[in-house]
């Protein structure tokens, strides 16, 4: 039977050794550090906070106290959150080239002819399923540099065109995501280009950390926008950089315990498989990894994110395609006065898992394990809007990937 959801406890949850390892990383995501990141992000003249929606009618229907959705489809007009990581990493790289502290610089200063004269022509290269690459291309263009973006086999033509529209060279390869990362890292070495990738390996850890720190601007906004701490946070995994940054900040910002849940597609569930194997080291998954949740089609965890998520994630969920599709439809068709949320496949996947848990008696054990009851205040982050509009319409209008 092809199960809609598979779930596993993280046996390493809050183990002393794992918490100790994660604690060594936490200073990079302290409130002071997050404020420094946000300070730079907010120097962009069109910076605006993205909305945090409270879906009261849906919460009542689901028998929980609160449902919050942070909607990153409004970020910088790019329909996804990823630009926060790309722009901060590029800005940090340029600041280092200048021998300056990024806290002394603004977005406009980095765009100046004086800066260009000092650092020269730079080309930034990256692998993407769509949103990260578009953010890198946008950031490079805004700051007057070049970008080259490579996408794995099966990537949507619309997402490719979005990247080209930002002025970058972009193409779809014949490889899966992780192999494309290896390909672009080799191109960077051969050509003297700067790799902007959100996963790390030996000898490549500074830029991925900057990307993770860049994401924390949205988390700082959440704690400014929400009055009471969430009891549960459902997060998209992918390589884990986004989820790791959210967990690292919220874990130390709030004193109370928060239940963090990771969500992945069945075909790219490296965190689920790692927790299932129950070893100290993560495992990887391979293959084509074709999924509508394109932003989550990653088979190799970011080692630093793994340290954080291994310590603080309670449960990992692997899900079928139709789970994300259901999440898209429910969020796009609100109850009563709730706000309509246009969520893409990866953006809707965590909510789709929550919805399935709450309405399907098959998952009563999981519901009880998570203590999803009338006291639960559940937070989701819609990481993308309809970045592939044709796919969005096929799913939401025409019922593609409907529940069987």
Protein backbone atom coordinates (compact mmCIF):
# COMPACT_ATOMS: atom_id res chain seq x y z
CA UNK A 1 0.00 0.00 0.00
CA UNK A 2 1.30 3.44 -0.91
CA UNK A 3 0.73 5.31 2.34
CA UNK A 4 -0.16 8.99 2.20
CA UNK A 5 1.97 9.67 5.27
CA UNK A 6 4.84 7.82 6.87
CA UNK A 7 6.18 9.08 10.16
CA UNK A 8 8.93 8.31 12.58
CA UNK A 9 10.02 9.52 16.00
CA UNK A 10 13.42 11.13 16.20
CA UNK A 11 15.14 8.93 18.78
CA UNK A 12 17.88 11.57 19.13
CA UNK A 13 15.37 14.24 20.22
CA UNK A 14 16.86 16.33 23.07
CA UNK A 15 19.66 13.82 23.72
CA UNK A 16 22.35 15.59 25.71
CA UNK A 17 25.18 15.00 23.21
CA UNK A 18 23.06 16.20 20.30
CA UNK A 19 21.87 19.28 22.15
CA UNK A 20 25.50 20.04 23.02
CA UNK A 21 26.50 19.87 19.35
CA UNK A 22 23.54 22.03 18.34
CA UNK A 23 24.31 24.54 21.11
CA UNK A 24 27.67 25.23 19.48
CA UNK A 25 25.80 26.38 16.34
CA UNK A 26 23.07 28.37 18.10
CA UNK A 27 25.06 31.63 18.51
CA UNK A 28 24.88 32.07 14.73
CA UNK A 29 21.10 32.31 15.18
CA UNK A 30 20.88 34.35 18.39
CA UNK A 31 18.48 37.28 18.62
CA UNK A 32 21.35 39.76 18.32
CA UNK A 33 22.70 38.04 15.22
CA UNK A 34 19.25 37.79 13.67
CA UNK A 35 18.72 41.50 14.26
CA UNK A 36 21.98 42.25 12.44
CA UNK A 37 20.81 40.24 9.46
CA UNK A 38 17.44 41.93 9.45
CA UNK A 39 19.08 45.35 9.75
CA UNK A 40 20.82 44.81 6.43
CA UNK A 41 17.77 43.24 4.72
CA UNK A 42 15.69 46.26 5.68
CA UNK A 43 18.06 48.69 3.93
CA UNK A 44 16.51 47.54 0.65
CA UNK A 45 14.21 50.43 -0.24
CA UNK A 46 11.25 48.18 -1.15
CA UNK A 47 11.56 45.96 1.92
CA UNK A 48 8.22 45.05 3.51
CA UNK A 49 7.28 42.49 6.13
CA UNK A 50 5.31 39.60 4.72
CA UNK A 51 1.92 38.92 6.33
CA UNK A 52 1.24 36.45 9.11
CA UNK A 53 -2.32 35.18 8.73
CA UNK A 54 -4.39 33.84 11.61
CA UNK A 55 -6.96 31.36 10.27
CA UNK A 56 -9.53 31.27 13.06
CA UNK A 57 -12.34 29.55 11.16
CA UNK A 58 -10.00 26.82 9.99
CA UNK A 59 -8.61 26.40 13.53
CA UNK A 60 -12.13 25.93 14.83
CA UNK A 61 -12.83 23.37 12.12
CA UNK A 62 -9.63 21.48 12.96
CA UNK A 63 -10.27 21.63 16.74
CA UNK A 64 -7.06 23.47 17.58
CA UNK A 65 -6.63 26.82 19.33
CA UNK A 66 -4.79 28.71 16.58
CA UNK A 67 -3.49 28.26 13.04
CA UNK A 68 -0.91 30.76 11.80
CA UNK A 69 0.50 30.93 8.27
CA UNK A 70 3.46 33.18 7.49
CA UNK A 71 3.01 34.00 3.79
CA UNK A 72 6.34 34.36 2.01
CA UNK A 73 4.70 34.56 -1.42
CA UNK A 74 4.88 38.35 -0.95
CA UNK A 75 8.67 38.52 -0.39
CA UNK A 76 10.32 41.20 -2.60
CA UNK A 77 7.78 40.49 -5.35
CA UNK A 78 9.52 37.17 -6.06
CA UNK A 79 6.77 34.85 -4.81
CA UNK A 80 9.08 32.96 -2.41
CA UNK A 81 11.30 33.37 0.66
CA UNK A 82 14.57 32.11 -0.84
CA UNK A 83 15.82 35.55 -1.88
CA UNK A 84 16.48 36.33 1.80
CA UNK A 85 19.30 33.80 1.85
CA UNK A 86 20.76 34.64 -1.54
CA UNK A 87 20.93 38.40 -1.05
CA UNK A 88 22.46 38.14 2.42
CA UNK A 89 25.11 35.63 1.29
CA UNK A 90 26.07 37.74 -1.72
CA UNK A 91 26.15 40.90 0.40
CA UNK A 92 28.36 39.20 3.00
CA UNK A 93 30.70 37.97 0.28
CA UNK A 94 31.04 41.48 -1.19
CA UNK A 95 31.49 43.01 2.27
CA UNK A 96 34.35 40.56 2.94
CA UNK A 97 35.96 41.46 -0.39
CA UNK A 98 35.79 45.11 0.69
CA UNK A 99 37.19 44.34 4.13
CA UNK A 100 34.07 45.91 5.63
CA UNK A 101 31.51 44.83 8.22
CA UNK A 102 28.10 44.27 6.64
CA UNK A 103 26.53 46.20 9.52
CA UNK A 104 28.25 49.31 8.15
CA UNK A 105 26.82 48.82 4.67
CA UNK A 106 23.44 49.28 3.05
CA UNK A 107 21.92 47.73 -0.04
CA UNK A 108 22.37 51.02 -1.91
CA UNK A 109 26.04 51.29 -0.94
CA UNK A 110 26.70 47.83 -2.31
CA UNK A 111 25.16 48.92 -5.62
CA UNK A 112 27.49 51.91 -5.94
CA UNK A 113 30.08 52.29 -8.74
CA UNK A 114 32.76 52.64 -6.04
CA UNK A 115 32.02 49.14 -4.76
CA UNK A 116 31.99 47.73 -8.29
CA UNK A 117 35.36 49.33 -8.96
CA UNK A 118 36.83 47.76 -5.80
CA UNK A 119 35.52 44.20 -6.20
CA UNK A 120 35.47 43.99 -9.99
CA UNK A 121 33.19 41.76 -12.04
CA UNK A 122 31.80 38.82 -10.10
CA UNK A 123 29.77 35.86 -11.32
CA UNK A 124 27.62 33.94 -8.86
CA UNK A 125 26.61 30.37 -9.66
CA UNK A 126 24.05 28.10 -8.04
CA UNK A 127 21.90 25.00 -8.35
CA UNK A 128 18.19 25.44 -7.76
CA UNK A 129 14.78 23.87 -8.09
CA UNK A 130 13.55 27.37 -8.89
CA UNK A 131 13.13 29.76 -5.98
CA UNK A 132 16.71 29.88 -4.65
CA UNK A 133 18.12 30.44 -8.12
CA UNK A 134 15.67 33.18 -8.88
CA UNK A 135 16.66 34.89 -5.63
CA UNK A 136 20.37 34.60 -6.44
CA UNK A 137 19.77 35.90 -9.97
CA UNK A 138 17.72 38.82 -8.65
CA UNK A 139 20.31 39.71 -6.00
CA UNK A 140 23.20 39.51 -8.47
CA UNK A 141 21.40 41.71 -10.99
CA UNK A 142 20.33 44.26 -8.37
CA UNK A 143 23.94 44.61 -7.22
CA UNK A 144 25.34 44.76 -10.76
CA UNK A 145 26.88 41.28 -11.01
CA UNK A 146 26.35 38.20 -13.19
CA UNK A 147 24.62 34.94 -12.29
CA UNK A 148 24.60 31.44 -13.75
CA UNK A 149 21.86 29.11 -12.53
CA UNK A 150 21.52 25.38 -13.16
CA UNK A 151 18.37 23.34 -12.53
CA UNK A 152 17.89 19.57 -12.13
CA UNK A 153 16.13 17.38 -14.68
CA UNK A 154 12.37 17.76 -14.64
CA UNK A 155 12.37 21.40 -13.49
CA UNK A 156 9.42 23.49 -14.67
CA UNK A 157 9.94 25.64 -17.77
CA UNK A 158 8.12 28.52 -16.07
CA UNK A 159 10.58 28.53 -13.17
CA UNK A 160 13.47 28.49 -15.65
CA UNK A 161 11.99 31.49 -17.45
CA UNK A 162 11.56 33.40 -14.17
CA UNK A 163 15.31 33.04 -13.60
CA UNK A 164 16.17 34.14 -17.14
CA UNK A 165 13.89 37.14 -16.65
CA UNK A 166 16.17 38.23 -13.80
CA UNK A 167 19.03 38.51 -16.30
CA UNK A 168 20.86 35.29 -15.47
CA UNK A 169 22.14 32.52 -17.69
CA UNK A 170 20.03 29.50 -16.77
CA UNK A 171 19.52 25.96 -18.02
CA UNK A 172 18.00 22.63 -16.99
CA UNK A 173 20.47 19.74 -16.71
CA UNK A 174 19.93 16.01 -17.16
CA UNK A 175 20.96 15.31 -13.53
CA UNK A 176 19.09 15.21 -10.24
CA UNK A 177 19.44 18.03 -7.70
CA UNK A 178 22.40 16.70 -5.72
CA UNK A 179 24.39 15.77 -8.83
CA UNK A 180 23.67 19.21 -10.28
CA UNK A 181 25.09 20.77 -7.10
CA UNK A 182 28.29 18.79 -7.62
CA UNK A 183 28.39 19.93 -11.26
CA UNK A 184 27.98 23.63 -10.43
CA UNK A 185 30.56 23.47 -7.66
CA UNK A 186 33.04 22.09 -10.20
CA UNK A 187 32.15 24.85 -12.69
CA UNK A 188 32.75 27.43 -9.96
CA UNK A 189 36.22 26.03 -9.26
CA UNK A 190 37.18 25.86 -12.93
CA UNK A 191 36.01 29.38 -13.79
CA UNK A 192 36.62 31.39 -10.63
CA UNK A 193 32.90 31.87 -10.07
CA UNK A 194 31.36 32.22 -6.60
CA UNK A 195 29.15 29.31 -5.54
CA UNK A 196 26.02 30.37 -3.61
CA UNK A 197 24.57 27.08 -2.36
CA UNK A 198 22.47 26.38 0.72
CA UNK A 199 24.11 23.12 1.67
CA UNK A 200 27.63 22.57 2.93
CA UNK A 201 30.48 20.10 2.75
CA UNK A 202 34.09 19.99 3.87
CA UNK A 203 35.76 23.22 2.81
CA UNK A 204 32.48 24.89 1.90
CA UNK A 205 30.63 26.09 4.97
CA UNK A 206 30.77 29.89 5.26
CA UNK A 207 28.41 30.83 2.42
CA UNK A 208 25.79 28.18 3.32
CA UNK A 209 25.78 29.54 6.88
CA UNK A 210 25.20 33.07 5.55
CA UNK A 211 22.27 31.76 3.50
CA UNK A 212 20.76 30.14 6.59
CA UNK A 213 21.22 33.37 8.53
CA UNK A 214 19.54 35.30 5.73
CA UNK A 215 16.40 33.22 6.17
CA UNK A 216 16.07 34.31 9.80
CA UNK A 217 14.62 37.69 8.84
CA UNK A 218 11.28 35.98 8.25
CA UNK A 219 11.49 34.28 11.66
CA UNK A 220 12.20 37.57 13.40
CA UNK A 221 9.11 38.97 11.71
CA UNK A 222 7.07 36.04 13.00
CA UNK A 223 7.99 36.67 16.64
CA UNK A 224 7.17 40.36 16.14
CA UNK A 225 3.81 39.51 14.57
CA UNK A 226 2.66 36.77 16.94
CA UNK A 227 1.56 37.44 20.52
CA UNK A 228 1.87 33.96 21.98
CA UNK A 229 4.45 31.32 21.14
CA UNK A 230 3.34 28.47 18.89
CA UNK A 231 3.15 25.01 20.42
CA UNK A 232 3.82 23.31 17.07
CA UNK A 233 5.80 24.29 13.97
CA UNK A 234 5.54 22.18 10.80
CA UNK A 235 8.50 22.80 8.48
CA UNK A 236 9.57 21.83 4.97
CA UNK A 237 12.87 19.95 4.97
CA UNK A 238 14.71 19.82 1.62
CA UNK A 239 18.41 19.97 2.56
CA UNK A 240 17.24 21.33 5.92
CA UNK A 241 18.84 24.79 5.78
CA UNK A 242 15.54 26.65 6.04
CA UNK A 243 14.11 24.37 8.73
CA UNK A 244 17.40 24.44 10.65
CA UNK A 245 17.51 28.23 10.74
CA UNK A 246 13.90 28.47 11.94
CA UNK A 247 14.40 25.86 14.65
CA UNK A 248 17.75 27.28 15.80
CA UNK A 249 16.22 30.71 16.37
CA UNK A 250 12.83 29.75 17.84
CA UNK A 251 14.39 27.13 20.14
CA UNK A 252 16.35 29.81 21.96
CA UNK A 253 13.91 32.72 21.57
CA UNK A 254 11.07 31.00 23.44
CA UNK A 255 11.57 29.41 26.84
CA UNK A 256 8.78 26.88 26.41
CA UNK A 257 9.10 23.64 24.49
CA UNK A 258 7.95 23.73 20.87
CA UNK A 259 7.13 20.59 18.90
CA UNK A 260 8.96 20.80 15.57
CA UNK A 261 7.81 18.50 12.76
CA UNK A 262 9.71 17.98 9.48
CA UNK A 263 7.90 17.30 6.21
CA UNK A 264 9.34 15.78 3.00
CA UNK A 265 8.04 14.04 -0.15
CA UNK A 266 8.35 10.25 -0.28
CA UNK A 267 10.85 10.38 -3.16
CA UNK A 268 13.25 12.78 -1.38
CA UNK A 269 12.91 11.95 2.30
CA UNK A 270 16.51 11.99 3.55
CA UNK A 271 15.58 13.26 7.04
CA UNK A 272 12.81 10.69 7.45
CA UNK A 273 15.18 7.91 6.38
CA UNK A 274 17.92 9.25 8.64
CA UNK A 275 15.65 9.28 11.70
CA UNK A 276 14.28 5.88 10.75
CA UNK A 277 17.78 4.40 10.59
CA UNK A 278 18.45 5.91 14.02
CA UNK A 279 22.17 6.46 13.64
CA UNK A 280 24.22 9.49 14.59
CA UNK A 281 25.04 10.26 10.95
CA UNK A 282 22.46 11.17 8.33
CA UNK A 283 21.75 9.00 5.29
CA UNK A 284 21.19 10.14 1.72
CA UNK A 285 18.62 9.13 -0.87
CA UNK A 286 19.15 9.16 -4.62
CA UNK A 287 17.37 8.60 -7.88
CA UNK A 288 15.44 11.03 -10.05
CA UNK A 289 13.43 12.47 -7.11
CA UNK A 290 10.63 13.72 -9.38
CA UNK A 291 7.98 15.40 -7.22
CA UNK A 292 5.59 18.32 -7.48
CA UNK A 293 7.30 19.56 -4.28
CA UNK A 294 10.27 20.67 -6.39
CA UNK A 295 11.79 22.82 -3.65
CA UNK A 296 12.06 19.73 -1.44
CA UNK A 297 13.60 17.38 -4.03
CA UNK A 298 16.92 17.05 -2.22
CA UNK A 299 18.51 13.79 -1.13
CA UNK A 300 21.45 14.95 1.00
CA UNK A 301 21.03 16.91 4.25
CA UNK A 302 23.04 20.01 5.02
CA UNK A 303 25.40 18.72 7.78
CA UNK A 304 25.00 21.83 9.94
CA UNK A 305 21.21 21.78 9.61
CA UNK A 306 21.32 18.08 10.49
CA UNK A 307 22.99 18.85 13.82
CA UNK A 308 20.23 21.31 14.70
CA UNK A 309 17.30 19.24 13.47
CA UNK A 310 18.62 16.01 14.98
CA UNK A 311 18.60 17.70 18.39
CA UNK A 312 15.26 19.50 18.29
CA UNK A 313 12.91 17.81 15.79
CA UNK A 314 10.41 15.50 17.43
CA UNK A 315 8.86 13.75 14.44
CA UNK A 316 9.66 13.46 10.73
CA UNK A 317 6.94 12.90 8.13
CA UNK A 318 7.28 11.66 4.57
CA UNK A 319 4.26 12.35 2.36
CA UNK A 320 2.63 11.46 -0.94
CA UNK A 321 2.11 14.04 -3.72
CA UNK A 322 -1.60 14.42 -3.06
CA UNK A 323 -0.91 15.66 0.48
CA UNK A 324 0.70 18.84 -0.86
CA UNK A 325 -2.09 19.19 -3.42
CA UNK A 326 -4.74 19.01 -0.69
CA UNK A 327 -2.88 21.65 1.30
CA UNK A 328 -2.90 23.94 -1.73
CA UNK A 329 -6.65 23.51 -2.23
CA UNK A 330 -7.62 24.03 1.42
CA UNK A 331 -5.47 27.15 1.86
CA UNK A 332 -6.73 28.53 -1.44
CA UNK A 333 -10.40 28.08 -0.48
CA UNK A 334 -10.78 29.62 2.99
CA UNK A 335 -13.62 29.30 5.47
CA UNK A 336 -15.70 32.30 6.60
CA UNK A 337 -13.50 35.40 6.98
CA UNK A 338 -10.17 33.57 6.84
CA UNK A 339 -7.64 34.94 4.36
CA UNK A 340 -7.08 33.15 1.06
CA UNK A 341 -3.50 31.90 0.77
CA UNK A 342 -2.00 30.98 -2.59
CA UNK A 343 0.52 28.30 -1.71
CA UNK A 344 2.73 26.38 -4.11
CA UNK A 345 3.44 22.70 -3.78
CA UNK A 346 6.39 22.98 -1.39
CA UNK A 347 4.74 25.83 0.48
CA UNK A 348 1.58 23.82 1.16
CA UNK A 349 3.13 20.45 2.02
CA UNK A 350 3.43 20.95 5.83
CA UNK A 351 -0.15 22.19 6.07
CA UNK A 352 -1.32 19.29 3.90
CA UNK A 353 0.30 16.86 6.36
CA UNK A 354 -1.35 18.58 9.32
CA UNK A 355 -4.74 18.52 7.58
CA UNK A 356 -4.43 14.80 6.81
CA UNK A 357 -3.50 14.05 10.43
CA UNK A 358 -6.51 15.95 11.71
CA UNK A 359 -9.16 14.52 9.36
CA UNK A 360 -7.99 10.94 8.78
CA UNK A 361 -8.62 8.49 11.62
CA UNK A 362 -5.77 6.36 10.27
CA UNK A 363 -3.37 8.86 11.86
CA UNK A 364 -4.91 9.03 15.34
CA UNK A 365 -1.71 7.67 16.88
CA UNK A 366 0.34 10.41 15.21
CA UNK A 367 -2.18 13.06 16.25
CA UNK A 368 -1.93 11.90 19.86
CA UNK A 369 1.87 11.65 19.71
CA UNK A 370 2.00 15.28 18.61
CA UNK A 371 -0.63 16.42 21.16
CA UNK A 372 -2.61 18.16 18.45
CA UNK A 373 -5.56 19.17 20.56
CA UNK A 374 -7.66 22.21 21.47
CA UNK A 375 -4.64 23.86 23.14
CA UNK A 376 -2.44 23.57 20.04
CA UNK A 377 -1.23 26.75 18.35
CA UNK A 378 0.19 25.59 15.03
CA UNK A 379 2.54 27.63 12.84
CA UNK A 380 3.18 27.07 9.14
CA UNK A 381 5.39 29.00 6.72
CA UNK A 382 4.15 29.24 3.15
CA UNK A 383 7.57 29.29 1.53
CA UNK A 384 6.28 29.89 -2.01
CA UNK A 385 3.26 31.00 -3.96
CA UNK A 386 2.21 29.77 -7.39
CA UNK A 387 5.73 29.78 -8.85
CA UNK A 388 4.51 27.32 -11.50
CA UNK A 389 1.10 28.73 -12.42
CA UNK A 390 0.22 25.95 -14.85
CA UNK A 391 0.83 23.32 -12.19
CA UNK A 392 -1.10 25.38 -9.63
CA UNK A 393 -4.15 25.53 -11.91
CA UNK A 394 -3.97 21.84 -12.75
CA UNK A 395 -4.01 21.01 -9.05
CA UNK A 396 -6.38 23.61 -7.62
CA UNK A 397 -8.76 24.09 -10.55
CA UNK A 398 -8.75 20.69 -12.22
CA UNK A 399 -8.14 18.33 -9.31
CA UNK A 400 -4.80 16.85 -10.32
CA UNK A 401 -3.37 14.72 -7.48
CA UNK A 402 -6.79 14.48 -5.86
CA UNK A 403 -7.37 12.26 -2.82
CA UNK A 404 -8.11 8.67 -3.82
